Protein backbone atom coordinates (compact mmCIF):
# COMPACT_ATOMS: atom_id res chain seq x y z
CA MET A 1 4.22 -7.65 -78.75
CA LYS A 2 4.79 -4.39 -76.89
CA PHE A 3 1.22 -4.55 -75.57
CA LEU A 4 1.81 -8.13 -74.38
CA LEU A 5 5.02 -7.18 -72.58
CA ALA A 6 3.35 -4.19 -70.92
CA ALA A 7 0.40 -6.32 -69.82
CA THR A 8 2.74 -8.97 -68.45
CA ALA A 9 4.75 -6.37 -66.53
CA MET A 10 1.57 -4.89 -65.08
CA THR A 11 0.35 -8.34 -64.01
CA MET A 12 3.67 -9.07 -62.32
CA ALA A 13 3.58 -5.71 -60.52
CA LEU A 14 0.08 -6.38 -59.24
CA ALA A 15 1.01 -9.87 -58.13
CA ALA A 16 4.20 -8.82 -56.35
CA PRO A 17 3.78 -8.49 -52.58
CA SER A 18 4.00 -4.96 -51.25
CA LEU A 19 6.86 -4.14 -48.92
CA ALA A 20 6.01 -4.62 -45.27
CA GLN A 21 5.56 -1.47 -43.22
CA ASP A 22 7.95 -0.78 -40.35
CA ILE A 23 6.15 0.45 -37.23
CA VAL A 24 7.76 1.21 -33.89
CA VAL A 25 5.82 1.25 -30.61
CA VAL A 26 7.42 3.12 -27.70
CA ALA A 27 5.58 2.66 -24.40
CA HIS A 28 6.35 3.90 -20.90
CA GLY A 29 5.42 0.54 -19.33
CA GLN A 30 7.63 -2.50 -19.46
CA ALA A 31 6.57 -5.45 -21.59
CA ASN A 32 7.06 -7.80 -18.60
CA ASP A 33 4.35 -5.88 -16.70
CA PRO A 34 1.17 -7.99 -17.09
CA PHE A 35 -0.78 -4.94 -18.26
CA TRP A 36 1.76 -3.94 -20.89
CA SER A 37 2.29 -7.51 -22.04
CA VAL A 38 -1.34 -7.37 -23.23
CA VAL A 39 -0.62 -4.11 -25.10
CA LYS A 40 2.39 -5.79 -26.69
CA ASN A 41 0.28 -8.81 -27.61
CA GLY A 42 -2.17 -6.49 -29.36
CA ALA A 43 0.61 -4.77 -31.30
CA ALA A 44 2.10 -8.13 -32.31
CA LYS A 45 -1.28 -9.43 -33.47
CA ALA A 46 -1.82 -6.28 -35.55
CA GLY A 47 1.58 -6.82 -37.16
CA GLU A 48 0.63 -10.40 -37.92
CA ASP A 49 -2.73 -9.41 -39.40
CA SER A 50 -1.45 -6.45 -41.42
CA GLY A 51 1.94 -7.81 -42.44
CA ALA A 52 3.77 -4.93 -40.77
CA ASN A 53 7.11 -5.29 -39.01
CA VAL A 54 6.46 -4.16 -35.42
CA GLU A 55 9.05 -3.33 -32.79
CA PHE A 56 7.88 -2.80 -29.21
CA ARG A 57 10.25 -0.81 -26.98
CA SER A 58 10.07 0.53 -23.44
CA PRO A 59 12.47 1.81 -20.77
CA GLU A 60 13.64 -0.59 -18.08
CA THR A 61 11.83 1.48 -15.45
CA PHE A 62 9.45 4.46 -15.53
CA ASP A 63 12.10 6.79 -16.98
CA MET A 64 11.11 9.70 -19.21
CA VAL A 65 14.69 10.49 -20.23
CA GLN A 66 15.20 6.96 -21.48
CA MET A 67 11.81 6.95 -23.14
CA SER A 68 12.54 10.16 -25.05
CA GLN A 69 15.82 8.57 -26.18
CA LEU A 70 13.89 5.55 -27.47
CA ILE A 71 11.59 7.85 -29.44
CA ASP A 72 14.60 9.72 -30.87
CA ALA A 73 16.19 6.41 -31.89
CA ALA A 74 12.96 5.38 -33.60
CA VAL A 75 12.86 8.66 -35.54
CA ASN A 76 16.39 7.99 -36.79
CA GLN A 77 15.15 4.69 -38.25
CA GLU A 78 12.57 6.56 -40.38
CA PRO A 79 9.76 4.03 -39.81
CA ASP A 80 6.43 4.12 -41.63
CA GLY A 81 4.67 4.88 -38.36
CA LEU A 82 5.27 5.51 -34.68
CA VAL A 83 3.03 4.66 -31.74
CA VAL A 84 3.72 6.34 -28.39
CA SER A 85 2.22 6.59 -24.94
CA ILE A 86 2.52 10.02 -23.36
CA PRO A 87 2.59 9.90 -19.54
CA ASP A 88 4.57 13.18 -19.39
CA PRO A 89 3.99 15.53 -22.35
CA ASP A 90 6.55 18.08 -21.14
CA ALA A 91 9.31 15.46 -21.15
CA LEU A 92 8.29 13.61 -24.31
CA GLY A 93 6.77 16.41 -26.42
CA PRO A 94 10.02 17.56 -28.10
CA SER A 95 10.91 14.03 -29.22
CA ILE A 96 7.40 13.39 -30.51
CA GLN A 97 7.43 16.67 -32.44
CA ARG A 98 10.77 15.72 -34.02
CA ALA A 99 9.07 12.61 -35.35
CA ILE A 100 6.20 14.63 -36.78
CA GLU A 101 8.57 17.19 -38.33
CA ALA A 102 10.41 14.28 -39.95
CA GLY A 103 7.18 13.29 -41.67
CA ILE A 104 6.55 10.18 -39.57
CA PRO A 105 2.83 9.53 -38.85
CA VAL A 106 2.34 9.31 -35.08
CA ILE A 107 -0.56 7.84 -33.09
CA SER A 108 -0.71 7.95 -29.31
CA MET A 109 -2.20 5.26 -27.11
CA ASN A 110 -3.01 4.64 -23.46
CA SER A 111 -2.00 8.03 -22.04
CA GLY A 112 -1.83 11.50 -23.53
CA GLY A 113 -5.25 11.82 -25.11
CA ASP A 114 -5.66 15.33 -23.70
CA VAL A 115 -2.47 16.62 -25.37
CA ALA A 116 -2.28 14.52 -28.54
CA ALA A 117 -3.97 17.03 -30.84
CA ASP A 118 -1.83 19.91 -29.57
CA LEU A 119 1.31 17.91 -30.34
CA GLY A 120 0.15 17.24 -33.90
CA ILE A 121 -0.58 13.54 -33.34
CA LEU A 122 -3.05 11.98 -35.79
CA LEU A 123 -5.31 10.43 -33.17
CA HIS A 124 -5.38 8.77 -29.75
CA VAL A 125 -6.53 5.28 -28.75
CA GLY A 126 -7.33 4.99 -25.06
CA GLN A 127 -9.64 6.18 -22.35
CA SER A 128 -10.02 9.47 -20.51
CA GLU A 129 -8.23 8.65 -17.28
CA TYR A 130 -9.95 11.41 -15.34
CA ASP A 131 -13.41 10.39 -16.55
CA ALA A 132 -12.65 6.75 -15.78
CA GLY A 133 -11.65 7.79 -12.25
CA VAL A 134 -14.91 9.69 -11.89
CA ALA A 135 -16.87 6.61 -12.98
CA ALA A 136 -15.01 4.45 -10.47
CA GLY A 137 -15.61 6.95 -7.68
CA ARG A 138 -19.31 7.17 -8.39
CA LYS A 139 -19.66 3.39 -8.45
CA LEU A 140 -17.79 2.93 -5.15
CA ALA A 141 -19.92 5.63 -3.52
CA GLU A 142 -23.06 3.97 -4.91
CA LEU A 143 -21.92 0.68 -3.34
CA GLY A 144 -21.61 2.36 0.07
CA GLY A 145 -18.09 3.77 0.13
CA THR A 146 -17.71 6.77 2.45
CA LYS A 147 -13.93 7.15 2.89
CA GLY A 148 -11.36 6.02 0.39
CA ILE A 149 -7.73 5.64 -0.54
CA CYS A 150 -6.24 5.77 -4.04
CA VAL A 151 -3.08 3.66 -4.28
CA ASN A 152 -0.67 5.11 -6.88
CA GLN A 153 2.28 2.89 -7.79
CA GLU A 154 3.77 5.37 -10.28
CA VAL A 155 3.55 8.89 -8.87
CA GLY A 156 4.54 11.40 -11.55
CA ASN A 157 2.70 9.52 -14.30
CA VAL A 158 0.16 12.18 -15.26
CA ALA A 159 -2.41 9.58 -16.34
CA LEU A 160 -2.33 7.90 -12.93
CA ASP A 161 -2.56 11.23 -11.11
CA GLN A 162 -5.64 11.98 -13.23
CA ARG A 163 -7.21 8.69 -12.18
CA CYS A 164 -6.88 9.56 -8.49
CA ALA A 165 -8.18 13.09 -9.08
CA GLY A 166 -11.18 11.76 -10.99
CA PHE A 167 -11.83 9.22 -8.25
CA ALA A 168 -11.95 11.96 -5.62
CA GLU A 169 -14.37 13.95 -7.78
CA GLY A 170 -16.72 11.07 -8.46
CA PHE A 171 -16.54 9.62 -4.95
CA GLY A 172 -17.59 12.88 -3.33
CA ASN A 173 -16.15 11.80 0.02
CA PRO A 174 -12.68 12.03 1.61
CA VAL A 175 -9.90 10.38 -0.42
CA GLU A 176 -6.22 10.01 0.47
CA VAL A 177 -3.61 9.17 -2.15
CA ILE A 178 -1.19 6.45 -0.97
CA PRO A 179 2.05 6.56 -3.00
CA THR A 180 3.97 3.30 -3.43
CA GLN A 181 6.54 1.69 -5.67
CA ALA A 182 5.56 -0.87 -8.30
CA ASP A 183 6.12 -3.63 -5.75
CA PRO A 184 3.17 -5.84 -4.67
CA THR A 185 4.79 -6.55 -1.29
CA GLU A 186 5.13 -2.84 -0.52
CA VAL A 187 1.60 -2.17 -1.75
CA GLN A 188 0.16 -4.86 0.50
CA SER A 189 2.05 -3.46 3.47
CA LYS A 190 0.92 0.13 2.86
CA VAL A 191 -2.72 -0.76 2.23
CA ARG A 192 -2.76 -2.93 5.34
CA ALA A 193 -1.27 -0.07 7.38
CA ALA A 194 -3.87 2.37 6.02
CA LEU A 195 -6.75 0.01 6.86
CA GLU A 196 -5.41 -0.63 10.34
CA ALA A 197 -4.79 3.06 11.04
CA ASP A 198 -8.26 4.22 10.01
CA PRO A 199 -11.26 1.88 10.42
CA ASP A 200 -13.43 4.40 8.55
CA VAL A 201 -11.63 3.68 5.27
CA ASN A 202 -13.99 1.36 3.42
CA ALA A 203 -13.05 1.91 -0.24
CA VAL A 204 -9.76 1.23 -2.01
CA LEU A 205 -8.99 2.13 -5.63
CA GLY A 206 -5.90 0.60 -7.19
CA LEU A 207 -4.38 1.79 -10.45
CA ASN A 208 -3.03 -1.59 -11.58
CA ALA A 209 -4.63 -5.00 -11.08
CA THR A 210 -1.55 -7.14 -10.47
CA LEU A 211 0.65 -4.62 -8.67
CA VAL A 212 -2.09 -2.99 -6.57
CA GLY A 213 -5.49 -4.66 -6.90
CA GLU A 214 -4.49 -8.18 -5.89
CA PRO A 215 -2.24 -7.07 -2.99
CA SER A 216 -5.06 -4.82 -1.72
CA VAL A 217 -7.44 -7.79 -1.58
CA GLU A 218 -4.82 -9.71 0.39
CA ALA A 219 -4.24 -6.76 2.73
CA ALA A 220 -7.95 -6.44 3.53
CA ALA A 221 -8.18 -10.16 4.25
CA ALA A 222 -5.07 -10.04 6.45
CA VAL A 223 -6.64 -7.46 8.77
CA GLY A 224 -10.11 -8.97 8.73
CA ARG A 225 -11.60 -6.17 6.61
CA GLU A 226 -13.15 -8.30 3.85
CA GLY A 227 -16.07 -5.87 3.71
CA VAL A 228 -13.88 -3.10 2.29
CA LEU A 229 -14.84 -2.20 -1.27
CA ILE A 230 -11.82 -2.82 -3.51
CA ALA A 231 -11.69 -1.81 -7.17
CA THR A 232 -8.83 -1.44 -9.59
CA PHE A 233 -7.98 -0.07 -12.98
CA ASP A 234 -7.20 -2.81 -15.48
CA MET A 235 -7.49 -6.53 -14.99
CA SER A 236 -5.69 -9.71 -14.10
CA ALA A 237 -6.97 -13.25 -13.80
CA GLY A 238 -6.34 -13.15 -10.05
CA PHE A 239 -8.25 -9.92 -9.47
CA LEU A 240 -11.13 -11.00 -11.71
CA GLU A 241 -11.45 -14.17 -9.64
CA ALA A 242 -11.69 -11.97 -6.54
CA VAL A 243 -14.48 -9.98 -8.21
CA ALA A 244 -16.28 -13.18 -9.21
CA ASP A 245 -15.97 -14.47 -5.62
CA GLY A 246 -17.23 -11.21 -4.11
CA ARG A 247 -13.89 -10.34 -2.48
CA ALA A 248 -13.51 -7.29 -4.75
CA ALA A 249 -16.05 -4.87 -6.23
CA PHE A 250 -15.06 -4.37 -9.86
CA ALA A 251 -12.26 -3.83 -12.36
CA ILE A 252 -12.03 -0.98 -14.86
CA ASP A 253 -11.27 -2.37 -18.29
CA GLN A 254 -9.68 -0.01 -20.80
CA GLN A 255 -9.17 -2.86 -23.29
CA GLN A 256 -5.44 -2.38 -23.62
CA PHE A 257 -5.21 -5.09 -26.27
CA LEU A 258 -6.99 -2.60 -28.55
CA GLN A 259 -4.51 0.11 -27.52
CA GLY A 260 -1.73 -2.02 -28.98
CA TYR A 261 -3.67 -3.43 -31.90
CA LEU A 262 -5.54 -0.49 -33.38
CA PRO A 263 -2.70 2.07 -33.75
CA VAL A 264 -0.47 -0.46 -35.51
CA ASN A 265 -3.31 -1.50 -37.80
CA PHE A 266 -4.25 2.13 -38.52
CA LEU A 267 -0.65 3.04 -39.37
CA ALA A 268 -0.26 0.00 -41.64
CA LEU A 269 -3.44 0.97 -43.51
CA HIS A 270 -2.22 4.55 -43.67
CA ALA A 271 1.10 3.50 -45.20
CA LYS A 272 -0.62 1.23 -47.74
CA TYR A 273 -3.69 3.23 -48.67
CA GLY A 274 -3.56 6.63 -46.97
CA LEU A 275 -6.47 5.67 -44.70
CA MET A 276 -6.93 7.05 -41.19
CA PRO A 277 -9.95 7.35 -38.84
CA GLY A 278 -11.25 10.88 -38.45
CA GLY A 279 -10.94 11.10 -34.67
CA ASP A 280 -9.85 9.55 -31.41
CA VAL A 281 -10.94 6.02 -30.51
CA PRO A 282 -12.11 5.47 -26.90
CA SER A 283 -11.15 1.97 -25.75
CA GLY A 284 -12.76 2.31 -22.30
CA PRO A 285 -13.75 2.51 -19.55
CA ASN A 286 -15.87 -0.56 -18.96
CA LEU A 287 -16.68 -1.66 -15.40
CA ILE A 288 -16.28 -5.41 -14.96
CA THR A 289 -18.51 -6.34 -12.03
CA GLN A 290 -19.30 -9.72 -10.46
CA ASP A 291 -21.84 -10.67 -13.13
CA LYS A 292 -19.23 -10.25 -15.91
CA ALA A 293 -15.97 -11.23 -14.22
CA ALA A 294 -16.06 -14.99 -14.73
CA GLN A 295 -16.48 -14.55 -18.49
CA VAL A 296 -13.33 -12.42 -18.74
CA VAL A 297 -10.99 -14.51 -16.52
CA GLU A 298 -9.92 -16.91 -19.27
CA LEU A 299 -9.20 -14.16 -21.79
CA SER A 300 -7.19 -12.27 -19.16
CA ALA A 301 -5.12 -15.38 -18.50
CA GLN A 302 -4.49 -15.61 -22.24
CA GLY A 303 -3.13 -12.06 -22.37
CA ILE A 304 -6.03 -10.59 -24.34
CA ARG A 305 -8.15 -8.85 -21.67
């Protein structure tokens, strides 16, 4: 009888569903930004697939003080895992280290791959922004670019600064950084002014497809400079259509859906089984040129690419 009761109890324990893991994602980009909405979609899908409870949080604007407060608030919740982007390690490092000291497993994504290990983070999912900039610069030079501008809509974001620096290195020709706000109207105006002021500028690198890439295509058309080579980091359906039509050169895909999906999935597996990959996971860069663009447009419109 005792054996039967013990066996029954064991069977019930095995059959009972395990408690869902609580995972918090704190990103520096807003979920209503088309790029970050894809990251959020990836995190939500990972929660759905793994059974984890996922909360996605971000400051209302690019605000490191508010972001560090969001990380601190997450630590106070004692989640089973924390995912963070790290655009400014000096500002966010203390909050991230508090999480680690509290015993919370932390994975970084999107930005911060160069500092993640020093902070004690388990691993990073993303791309090397500098190396991606180098690849973009080399490709634009290969296509005939001789003088370029790098349009930065979030000056102070270390990852974006690295993109422009890498672009200058890979391009091997003069590059000017054009600072703007995250406002497509302002971007279009500034790119148009730069193209009108210097007819030798024949290459434009944007750091965001919707906020910079698409307005840059419109600016070039407005001043009759359709021959200018325009590329951008990340993707949008509108920019991919411009690439497919030959109005833009290429997009740099870092597969941000994976940046949301993989860390959540890894942390859920870690909480359940103690599993964790042994190193960083590069999600990009991949250059989406005219021959590939049409295939990706639909998935971009769906919030996956």
